Each structure stands twice: as C-alpha cells, then as structure tokens.
C-alpha cells in the first residue's frame, strides 16, 4: 500500500508541476496504476477477487482515457503547434 501511495503522490505532483500535455497524460496513467495496485494489494490481503475485478476495470478505463486523451492532444497540437497547457487555456471562441 505504501508503494501505491508513493506512486499516486508522484503522479499528482507531476500533474501539478508539468505543463506539457503528454507528461500530464502520463501522470494520470501513473495515478490510475497506483489506484489499481492498491486494489490488488487489498484484495490479496482479504483473499477476495473483487480487487482484481476492479483492476481490470481500471485498465480498460485507462485504455479508453489514453485513446481519447491522445486524440485531443493531437487536435490541440494541430491547431496551436504547441503542447503547452498554458497555450490551450488562452484559446478564444
């Protein structure tokens, strides 16, 4: 559980510090994997398969999040020619 907590905090700090959208997407993935690791550890501690089922749900959600996130990032890069999140927040319209 300690490793899961450390990974989650590292992902959160990276999400708050970085301005590159690709690194922000990777930070979200680290946080999702930390949550999945916590479910796996808890399920093995209580000898229940529920945590493994939740981990499969987290993996499928992470795959969908990456595909949608990368599509949005590609569209923003196509329009702005930059991956900086500050540039995206200045969009008008």
PDB file of N, CA and C in Angstrom:
ATOM      1  N   UNK A   1       0.823  -1.192   0.000  1.00  0.00           N
ATOM      2  CA  UNK A   1       0.000   0.000   0.000  1.00  0.00           C
ATOM      3  C   UNK A   1       0.867   1.256   0.000  1.00  0.00           C
ATOM      4  N   UNK A   2       2.025   1.152   0.634  1.00  0.00           N
ATOM      5  CA  UNK A   2       2.917   2.304   0.670  1.00  0.00           C
ATOM      6  C   UNK A   2       3.403   2.651  -0.738  1.00  0.00           C
ATOM      7  N   UNK A   3       3.743   1.638  -1.505  1.00  0.00           N
ATOM      8  CA  UNK A   3       4.177   1.874  -2.879  1.00  0.00           C
ATOM      9  C   UNK A   3       3.068   2.523  -3.704  1.00  0.00           C
ATOM     10  N   UNK A   4       1.845   2.070  -3.519  1.00  0.00           N
ATOM     11  CA  UNK A   4       0.722   2.661  -4.240  1.00  0.00           C
ATOM     12  C   UNK A   4       0.546   4.126  -3.854  1.00  0.00           C
ATOM     13  N   UNK A   5       0.685   4.425  -2.581  1.00  0.00           N
ATOM     14  CA  UNK A   5       0.578   5.812  -2.128  1.00  0.00           C
ATOM     15  C   UNK A   5       1.684   6.682  -2.692  1.00  0.00           C
ATOM     16  N   UNK A   6       2.905   6.158  -2.703  1.00  0.00           N
ATOM     17  CA  UNK A   6       4.030   6.913  -3.245  1.00  0.00           C
ATOM     18  C   UNK A   6       3.833   7.176  -4.735  1.00  0.00           C
ATOM     19  N   UNK A   7       3.401   6.156  -5.480  1.00  0.00           N
ATOM     20  CA  UNK A   7       3.160   6.330  -6.911  1.00  0.00           C
ATOM     21  C   UNK A   7       2.060   7.355  -7.176  1.00  0.00           C
ATOM     22  N   UNK A   8       1.009   7.309  -6.372  1.00  0.00           N
ATOM     23  CA  UNK A   8      -0.084   8.255  -6.564  1.00  0.00           C
ATOM     24  C   UNK A   8       0.371   9.679  -6.302  1.00  0.00           C
ATOM     25  N   UNK A   9       1.138   9.877  -5.228  1.00  0.00           N
ATOM     26  CA  UNK A   9       1.626  11.217  -4.907  1.00  0.00           C
ATOM     27  C   UNK A   9       2.591  11.715  -5.977  1.00  0.00           C
ATOM     28  N   UNK A  10       3.468  10.831  -6.483  1.00  0.00           N
ATOM     29  CA  UNK A  10       4.372  11.239  -7.558  1.00  0.00           C
ATOM     30  C   UNK A  10       3.596  11.642  -8.815  1.00  0.00           C
ATOM     31  N   UNK A  11       2.565  10.891  -9.150  1.00  0.00           N
ATOM     32  CA  UNK A  11       1.734  11.247 -10.302  1.00  0.00           C
ATOM     33  C   UNK A  11       1.010  12.561 -10.100  1.00  0.00           C
ATOM     34  N   UNK A  12       0.526  12.796  -8.887  1.00  0.00           N
ATOM     35  CA  UNK A  12      -0.183  14.041  -8.593  1.00  0.00           C
ATOM     36  C   UNK A  12       0.754  15.234  -8.653  1.00  0.00           C
ATOM     37  N   UNK A  13       1.941  15.097  -8.083  1.00  0.00           N
ATOM     38  CA  UNK A  13       2.913  16.192  -8.122  1.00  0.00           C
ATOM     39  C   UNK A  13       3.332  16.475  -9.558  1.00  0.00           C
ATOM     40  N   UNK A  14       3.566  15.423 -10.319  1.00  0.00           N
ATOM     41  CA  UNK A  14       3.945  15.601 -11.720  1.00  0.00           C
ATOM     42  C   UNK A  14       2.815  16.259 -12.508  1.00  0.00           C
ATOM     43  N   UNK A  15       1.584  15.926 -12.200  1.00  0.00           N
ATOM     44  CA  UNK A  15       0.445  16.525 -12.882  1.00  0.00           C
ATOM     45  C   UNK A  15       0.363  18.018 -12.591  1.00  0.00           C
ATOM     46  N   UNK A  16       0.666  18.399 -11.368  1.00  0.00           N
ATOM     47  CA  UNK A  16       0.567  19.807 -10.988  1.00  0.00           C
ATOM     48  C   UNK A  16       1.750  20.634 -11.468  1.00  0.00           C
ATOM     49  N   UNK A  17       2.910  20.025 -11.599  1.00  0.00           N
ATOM     50  CA  UNK A  17       4.123  20.771 -11.954  1.00  0.00           C
ATOM     51  C   UNK A  17       4.300  20.896 -13.462  1.00  0.00           C
ATOM     52  N   UNK A  18       4.087  19.828 -14.195  1.00  0.00           N
ATOM     53  CA  UNK A  18       4.382  19.818 -15.629  1.00  0.00           C
ATOM     54  C   UNK A  18       3.369  20.644 -16.410  1.00  0.00           C
ATOM     55  N   UNK A  19       3.812  21.234 -17.508  1.00  0.00           N
ATOM     56  CA  UNK A  19       2.935  21.988 -18.394  1.00  0.00           C
ATOM     57  C   UNK A  19       2.745  21.301 -19.744  1.00  0.00           C
ATOM     58  N   UNK A  20       3.553  20.287 -20.032  1.00  0.00           N
ATOM     59  CA  UNK A  20       3.431  19.545 -21.279  1.00  0.00           C
ATOM     60  C   UNK A  20       2.253  18.580 -21.160  1.00  0.00           C
ATOM     61  N   UNK A  21       1.358  18.607 -22.146  1.00  0.00           N
ATOM     62  CA  UNK A  21       0.145  17.798 -22.057  1.00  0.00           C
ATOM     63  C   UNK A  21       0.426  16.301 -22.112  1.00  0.00           C
ATOM     64  N   UNK A  22       1.478  15.887 -22.805  1.00  0.00           N
ATOM     65  CA  UNK A  22       1.817  14.459 -22.858  1.00  0.00           C
ATOM     66  C   UNK A  22       2.260  13.982 -21.475  1.00  0.00           C
ATOM     67  N   UNK A  23       3.082  14.778 -20.804  1.00  0.00           N
ATOM     68  CA  UNK A  23       3.511  14.407 -19.459  1.00  0.00           C
ATOM     69  C   UNK A  23       2.346  14.422 -18.472  1.00  0.00           C
ATOM     70  N   UNK A  24       1.395  15.318 -18.687  1.00  0.00           N
ATOM     71  CA  UNK A  24       0.208  15.338 -17.828  1.00  0.00           C
ATOM     72  C   UNK A  24      -0.611  14.066 -18.024  1.00  0.00           C
ATOM     73  N   UNK A  25      -0.724  13.611 -19.261  1.00  0.00           N
ATOM     74  CA  UNK A  25      -1.439  12.368 -19.550  1.00  0.00           C
ATOM     75  C   UNK A  25      -0.730  11.170 -18.915  1.00  0.00           C
ATOM     76  N   UNK A  26       0.596  11.159 -18.979  1.00  0.00           N
ATOM     77  CA  UNK A  26       1.359  10.090 -18.340  1.00  0.00           C
ATOM     78  C   UNK A  26       1.191  10.115 -16.822  1.00  0.00           C
ATOM     79  N   UNK A  27       1.076  11.313 -16.247  1.00  0.00           N
ATOM     80  CA  UNK A  27       0.871  11.426 -14.806  1.00  0.00           C
ATOM     81  C   UNK A  27      -0.470  10.845 -14.376  1.00  0.00           C
ATOM     82  N   UNK A  28      -1.474  11.074 -15.191  1.00  0.00           N
ATOM     83  CA  UNK A  28      -2.792  10.492 -14.896  1.00  0.00           C
ATOM     84  C   UNK A  28      -2.715   8.971 -14.964  1.00  0.00           C
ATOM     85  N   UNK A  29      -1.951   8.453 -15.923  1.00  0.00           N
ATOM     86  CA  UNK A  29      -1.775   6.999 -16.032  1.00  0.00           C
ATOM     87  C   UNK A  29      -1.056   6.437 -14.810  1.00  0.00           C
ATOM     88  N   UNK A  30      -0.068   7.148 -14.296  1.00  0.00           N
ATOM     89  CA  UNK A  30       0.627   6.696 -13.093  1.00  0.00           C
ATOM     90  C   UNK A  30      -0.335   6.663 -11.913  1.00  0.00           C
ATOM     91  N   UNK A  31      -1.194   7.666 -11.808  1.00  0.00           N
ATOM     92  CA  UNK A  31      -2.162   7.686 -10.706  1.00  0.00           C
ATOM     93  C   UNK A  31      -3.178   6.551 -10.837  1.00  0.00           C
ATOM     94  N   UNK A  32      -3.614   6.255 -12.054  1.00  0.00           N
ATOM     95  CA  UNK A  32      -4.554   5.145 -12.247  1.00  0.00           C
ATOM     96  C   UNK A  32      -3.904   3.808 -11.903  1.00  0.00           C
ATOM     97  N   UNK A  33      -2.642   3.633 -12.297  1.00  0.00           N
ATOM     98  CA  UNK A  33      -1.949   2.392 -11.959  1.00  0.00           C
ATOM     99  C   UNK A  33      -1.715   2.270 -10.461  1.00  0.00           C
ATOM    100  N   UNK A  34      -1.490   3.372  -9.779  1.00  0.00           N
ATOM    101  CA  UNK A  34      -1.338   3.337  -8.321  1.00  0.00           C
ATOM    102  C   UNK A  34      -2.644   2.913  -7.657  1.00  0.00           C
ATOM    103  N   UNK A  35      -3.766   3.416  -8.166  1.00  0.00           N
ATOM    104  CA  UNK A  35      -5.058   3.005  -7.618  1.00  0.00           C
ATOM    105  C   UNK A  35      -5.301   1.519  -7.873  1.00  0.00           C
ATOM    106  N   UNK A  36      -4.937   1.047  -9.061  1.00  0.00           N
ATOM    107  CA  UNK A  36      -5.079  -0.378  -9.368  1.00  0.00           C
ATOM    108  C   UNK A  36      -4.202  -1.242  -8.483  1.00  0.00           C
ATOM    109  N   UNK A  37      -2.989  -0.788  -8.210  1.00  0.00           N
ATOM    110  CA  UNK A  37      -2.097  -1.522  -7.315  1.00  0.00           C
ATOM    111  C   UNK A  37      -2.678  -1.597  -5.907  1.00  0.00           C
ATOM    112  N   UNK A  38      -3.291  -0.512  -5.455  1.00  0.00           N
ATOM    113  CA  UNK A  38      -3.916  -0.522  -4.133  1.00  0.00           C
ATOM    114  C   UNK A  38      -5.064  -1.535  -4.079  1.00  0.00           C
ATOM    115  N   UNK A  39      -5.853  -1.630  -5.154  1.00  0.00           N
ATOM    116  CA  UNK A  39      -6.931  -2.624  -5.196  1.00  0.00           C
ATOM    117  C   UNK A  39      -6.373  -4.045  -5.166  1.00  0.00           C
ATOM    118  N   UNK A  40      -5.304  -4.296  -5.892  1.00  0.00           N
ATOM    119  CA  UNK A  40      -4.694  -5.629  -5.921  1.00  0.00           C
ATOM    120  C   UNK A  40      -4.157  -6.005  -4.541  1.00  0.00           C
ATOM    121  N   UNK A  41      -3.478  -5.075  -3.889  1.00  0.00           N
ATOM    122  CA  UNK A  41      -2.922  -5.353  -2.554  1.00  0.00           C
ATOM    123  C   UNK A  41      -4.040  -5.613  -1.552  1.00  0.00           C
ATOM    124  N   UNK A  42      -5.094  -4.813  -1.611  1.00  0.00           N
ATOM    125  CA  UNK A  42      -6.205  -5.010  -0.677  1.00  0.00           C
ATOM    126  C   UNK A  42      -6.917  -6.337  -0.927  1.00  0.00           C
ATOM    127  N   UNK A  43      -7.076  -6.701  -2.196  1.00  0.00           N
ATOM    128  CA  UNK A  43      -7.771  -7.964  -2.478  1.00  0.00           C
ATOM    129  C   UNK A  43      -6.939  -9.166  -2.054  1.00  0.00           C
ATOM    130  N   UNK A  44      -5.628  -9.079  -2.184  1.00  0.00           N
ATOM    131  CA  UNK A  44      -4.802 -10.202  -1.737  1.00  0.00           C
ATOM    132  C   UNK A  44      -4.738 -10.263  -0.213  1.00  0.00           C
ATOM    133  N   UNK A  45      -4.849  -9.116   0.434  1.00  0.00           N
ATOM    134  CA  UNK A  45      -4.847  -9.103   1.905  1.00  0.00           C
ATOM    135  C   UNK A  45      -6.107  -9.765   2.475  1.00  0.00           C
ATOM    136  N   UNK A  46      -7.247  -9.479   1.847  1.00  0.00           N
ATOM    137  CA  UNK A  46      -8.511 -10.039   2.337  1.00  0.00           C
ATOM    138  C   UNK A  46      -8.918 -11.311   1.593  1.00  0.00           C
ATOM    139  N   UNK A  47      -8.102 -11.805   0.690  1.00  0.00           N
ATOM    140  CA  UNK A  47      -8.353 -13.034  -0.079  1.00  0.00           C
ATOM    141  C   UNK A  47      -9.701 -12.986  -0.802  1.00  0.00           C
ATOM    142  N   UNK A  48      -9.972 -11.847  -1.437  1.00  0.00           N
ATOM    143  CA  UNK A  48     -11.195 -11.658  -2.215  1.00  0.00           C
ATOM    144  C   UNK A  48     -10.815 -11.284  -3.648  1.00  0.00           C
ATOM    145  N   UNK A  49     -11.561 -11.744  -4.631  1.00  0.00           N
ATOM    146  CA  UNK A  49     -11.231 -11.418  -6.024  1.00  0.00           C
ATOM    147  C   UNK A  49     -11.757 -10.048  -6.482  1.00  0.00           C
ATOM    148  N   UNK A  50     -12.440  -9.313  -5.621  1.00  0.00           N
ATOM    149  CA  UNK A  50     -13.054  -8.045  -6.022  1.00  0.00           C
ATOM    150  C   UNK A  50     -12.022  -7.016  -6.482  1.00  0.00           C
ATOM    151  N   UNK A  51     -10.879  -6.970  -5.829  1.00  0.00           N
ATOM    152  CA  UNK A  51      -9.845  -6.017  -6.205  1.00  0.00           C
ATOM    153  C   UNK A  51      -9.289  -6.278  -7.590  1.00  0.00           C
ATOM    154  N   UNK A  52      -9.184  -7.544  -7.963  1.00  0.00           N
ATOM    155  CA  UNK A  52      -8.694  -7.873  -9.293  1.00  0.00           C
ATOM    156  C   UNK A  52      -9.705  -7.492 -10.367  1.00  0.00           C
ATOM    157  N   UNK A  53     -10.980  -7.632 -10.052  1.00  0.00           N
ATOM    158  CA  UNK A  53     -12.027  -7.208 -10.983  1.00  0.00           C
ATOM    159  C   UNK A  53     -11.980  -5.690 -11.163  1.00  0.00           C
ATOM    160  N   UNK A  54     -11.790  -4.965 -10.071  1.00  0.00           N
ATOM    161  CA  UNK A  54     -11.678  -3.515 -10.155  1.00  0.00           C
ATOM    162  C   UNK A  54     -10.434  -3.103 -10.942  1.00  0.00           C
ATOM    163  N   UNK A  55      -9.349  -3.852 -10.796  1.00  0.00           N
ATOM    164  CA  UNK A  55      -8.144  -3.544 -11.548  1.00  0.00           C
ATOM    165  C   UNK A  55      -8.372  -3.719 -13.047  1.00  0.00           C
ATOM    166  N   UNK A  56      -9.113  -4.744 -13.438  1.00  0.00           N
ATOM    167  CA  UNK A  56      -9.446  -4.917 -14.859  1.00  0.00           C
ATOM    168  C   UNK A  56     -10.288  -3.744 -15.360  1.00  0.00           C
ATOM    169  N   UNK A  57     -11.200  -3.258 -14.523  1.00  0.00           N
ATOM    170  CA  UNK A  57     -11.998  -2.084 -14.889  1.00  0.00           C
ATOM    171  C   UNK A  57     -11.094  -0.859 -15.035  1.00  0.00           C
ATOM    172  N   UNK A  58     -10.137  -0.694 -14.127  1.00  0.00           N
ATOM    173  CA  UNK A  58      -9.220   0.440 -14.193  1.00  0.00           C
ATOM    174  C   UNK A  58      -8.366   0.361 -15.456  1.00  0.00           C
ATOM    175  N   UNK A  59      -7.911  -0.828 -15.825  1.00  0.00           N
ATOM    176  CA  UNK A  59      -7.121  -0.982 -17.043  1.00  0.00           C
ATOM    177  C   UNK A  59      -7.925  -0.616 -18.290  1.00  0.00           C
ATOM    178  N   UNK A  60      -9.175  -1.037 -18.340  1.00  0.00           N
ATOM    179  CA  UNK A  60      -9.995  -0.701 -19.512  1.00  0.00           C
ATOM    180  C   UNK A  60     -10.303   0.789 -19.549  1.00  0.00           C
ATOM    181  N   UNK A  61     -10.533   1.386 -18.381  1.00  0.00           N
ATOM    182  CA  UNK A  61     -10.781   2.822 -18.331  1.00  0.00           C
ATOM    183  C   UNK A  61      -9.529   3.598 -18.729  1.00  0.00           C
ATOM    184  N   UNK A  62      -8.358   3.120 -18.328  1.00  0.00           N
ATOM    185  CA  UNK A  62      -7.107   3.791 -18.684  1.00  0.00           C
ATOM    186  C   UNK A  62      -6.861   3.716 -20.184  1.00  0.00           C
ATOM    187  N   UNK A  63      -7.188   2.597 -20.798  1.00  0.00           N
ATOM    188  CA  UNK A  63      -7.012   2.472 -22.243  1.00  0.00           C
ATOM    189  C   UNK A  63      -7.928   3.442 -22.985  1.00  0.00           C
ATOM    190  N   UNK A  64      -9.163   3.561 -22.538  1.00  0.00           N
ATOM    191  CA  UNK A  64     -10.088   4.499 -23.168  1.00  0.00           C
ATOM    192  C   UNK A  64      -9.632   5.942 -22.940  1.00  0.00           C
ATOM    193  N   UNK A  65      -9.126   6.217 -21.755  1.00  0.00           N
ATOM    194  CA  UNK A  65      -8.668   7.570 -21.428  1.00  0.00           C
ATOM    195  C   UNK A  65      -7.467   7.952 -22.285  1.00  0.00           C
ATOM    196  N   UNK A  66      -6.565   7.017 -22.521  1.00  0.00           N
ATOM    197  CA  UNK A  66      -5.391   7.305 -23.345  1.00  0.00           C
ATOM    198  C   UNK A  66      -5.796   7.566 -24.785  1.00  0.00           C
ATOM    199  N   UNK A  67      -6.707   6.781 -25.310  1.00  0.00           N
ATOM    200  CA  UNK A  67      -7.093   6.975 -26.711  1.00  0.00           C
ATOM    201  C   UNK A  67      -7.795   8.318 -26.908  1.00  0.00           C
ATOM    202  N   UNK A  68      -8.694   8.668 -26.015  1.00  0.00           N
ATOM    203  CA  UNK A  68      -9.382   9.957 -26.127  1.00  0.00           C
ATOM    204  C   UNK A  68      -8.412  11.106 -25.846  1.00  0.00           C
ATOM    205  N   UNK A  69      -7.575  10.940 -24.833  1.00  0.00           N
ATOM    206  CA  UNK A  69      -6.623  11.993 -24.478  1.00  0.00           C
ATOM    207  C   UNK A  69      -5.625  12.261 -25.586  1.00  0.00           C
ATOM    208  N   UNK A  70      -5.091  11.215 -26.195  1.00  0.00           N
ATOM    209  CA  UNK A  70      -4.149  11.421 -27.294  1.00  0.00           C
ATOM    210  C   UNK A  70      -4.817  12.053 -28.504  1.00  0.00           C
ATOM    211  N   UNK A  71      -6.060  11.700 -28.773  1.00  0.00           N
ATOM    212  CA  UNK A  71      -6.775  12.329 -29.885  1.00  0.00           C
ATOM    213  C   UNK A  71      -6.964  13.826 -29.629  1.00  0.00           C
ATOM    214  N   UNK A  72      -7.317  14.184 -28.404  1.00  0.00           N
ATOM    215  CA  UNK A  72      -7.470  15.605 -28.070  1.00  0.00           C
ATOM    216  C   UNK A  72      -6.139  16.346 -28.141  1.00  0.00           C
ATOM    217  N   UNK A  73      -5.088  15.708 -27.661  1.00  0.00           N
ATOM    218  CA  UNK A  73      -3.768  16.338 -27.698  1.00  0.00           C
ATOM    219  C   UNK A  73      -3.315  16.546 -29.137  1.00  0.00           C
ATOM    220  N   UNK A  74      -3.558  15.579 -30.004  1.00  0.00           N
ATOM    221  CA  UNK A  74      -3.190  15.736 -31.413  1.00  0.00           C
ATOM    222  C   UNK A  74      -3.963  16.874 -32.080  1.00  0.00           C
ATOM    223  N   UNK A  75      -5.234  16.997 -31.766  1.00  0.00           N
ATOM    224  CA  UNK A  75      -6.024  18.089 -32.326  1.00  0.00           C
ATOM    225  C   UNK A  75      -5.545  19.451 -31.819  1.00  0.00           C
ATOM    226  N   UNK A  76      -5.232  19.539 -30.525  1.00  0.00           N
ATOM    227  CA  UNK A  76      -4.722  20.792 -29.979  1.00  0.00           C
ATOM    228  C   UNK A  76      -3.357  21.131 -30.581  1.00  0.00           C
ATOM    229  N   UNK A  77      -2.502  20.124 -30.776  1.00  0.00           N
ATOM    230  CA  UNK A  77      -1.206  20.384 -31.388  1.00  0.00           C
ATOM    231  C   UNK A  77      -1.370  20.841 -32.833  1.00  0.00           C
ATOM    232  N   UNK A  78      -2.330  20.260 -33.514  1.00  0.00           N
ATOM    233  CA  UNK A  78      -2.579  20.646 -34.906  1.00  0.00           C
ATOM    234  C   UNK A  78      -3.007  22.108 -34.998  1.00  0.00           C
ATOM    235  N   UNK A  79      -3.801  22.579 -34.036  1.00  0.00           N
ATOM    236  CA  UNK A  79      -4.283  23.955 -34.047  1.00  0.00           C
ATOM    237  C   UNK A  79      -3.264  24.939 -33.478  1.00  0.00           C
ATOM    238  N   UNK A  80      -2.603  24.582 -32.385  1.00  0.00           N
ATOM    239  CA  UNK A  80      -1.754  25.536 -31.669  1.00  0.00           C
ATOM    240  C   UNK A  80      -0.270  25.404 -31.983  1.00  0.00           C
ATOM    241  N   UNK A  81       0.164  24.295 -32.541  1.00  0.00           N
ATOM    242  CA  UNK A  81       1.570  23.995 -32.791  1.00  0.00           C
ATOM    243  C   UNK A  81       2.394  24.023 -31.503  1.00  0.00           C
ATOM    244  N   UNK A  82       1.751  23.652 -30.396  1.00  0.00           N
ATOM    245  CA  UNK A  82       2.432  23.608 -29.105  1.00  0.00           C
ATOM    246  C   UNK A  82       1.721  22.596 -28.214  1.00  0.00           C
ATOM    247  N   UNK A  83       2.470  21.960 -27.313  1.00  0.00           N
ATOM    248  CA  UNK A  83       1.886  21.031 -26.340  1.00  0.00           C
ATOM    249  C   UNK A  83       1.792  21.651 -24.954  1.00  0.00           C
ATOM    250  N   UNK A  84       2.012  22.952 -24.866  1.00  0.00           N
ATOM    251  CA  UNK A  84       1.961  23.653 -23.585  1.00  0.00           C
ATOM    252  C   UNK A  84       0.506  23.841 -23.164  1.00  0.00           C
ATOM    253  N   UNK A  85       0.191  23.474 -21.928  1.00  0.00           N
ATOM    254  CA  UNK A  85      -1.193  23.586 -21.469  1.00  0.00           C
ATOM    255  C   UNK A  85      -1.602  25.044 -21.268  1.00  0.00           C
ATOM    256  N   UNK A  86      -0.656  25.939 -21.037  1.00  0.00           N
ATOM    257  CA  UNK A  86      -0.990  27.369 -20.914  1.00  0.00           C
ATOM    258  C   UNK A  86      -1.477  27.943 -22.248  1.00  0.00           C
ATOM    259  N   UNK A  87      -0.920  27.441 -23.340  1.00  0.00           N
ATOM    260  CA  UNK A  87      -1.371  27.895 -24.658  1.00  0.00           C
ATOM    261  C   UNK A  87      -2.815  27.468 -24.908  1.00  0.00           C
ATOM    262  N   UNK A  88      -3.172  26.283 -24.484  1.00  0.00           N
ATOM    263  CA  UNK A  88      -4.539  25.793 -24.691  1.00  0.00           C
ATOM    264  C   UNK A  88      -5.546  26.571 -23.850  1.00  0.00           C
ATOM    265  N   UNK A  89      -5.125  27.071 -22.698  1.00  0.00           N
ATOM    266  CA  UNK A  89      -6.052  27.815 -21.843  1.00  0.00           C
ATOM    267  C   UNK A  89      -6.303  29.217 -22.384  1.00  0.00           C
ATOM    268  N   UNK A  90      -5.488  29.688 -23.317  1.00  0.00           N
ATOM    269  CA  UNK A  90      -5.664  31.020 -23.904  1.00  0.00           C
ATOM    270  C   UNK A  90      -6.531  31.012 -25.154  1.00  0.00           C
ATOM    271  N   UNK A  91      -7.079  29.866 -25.509  1.00  0.00           N
ATOM    272  CA  UNK A  91      -7.895  29.785 -26.728  1.00  0.00           C
ATOM    273  C   UNK A  91      -9.154  30.618 -26.593  1.00  0.00           C
ATOM    274  N   UNK A  92      -9.520  31.261 -27.655  1.00  0.00           N
ATOM    275  CA  UNK A  92     -10.745  32.077 -27.684  1.00  0.00           C
ATOM    276  C   UNK A  92     -11.779  31.342 -28.529  1.00  0.00           C
ATOM    277  N   UNK A  93     -13.043  31.550 -28.206  1.00  0.00           N
ATOM    278  CA  UNK A  93     -14.045  31.006 -29.089  1.00  0.00           C
ATOM    279  C   UNK A  93     -15.050  30.205 -28.422  1.00  0.00           C
TER     280      UNK A  93
END
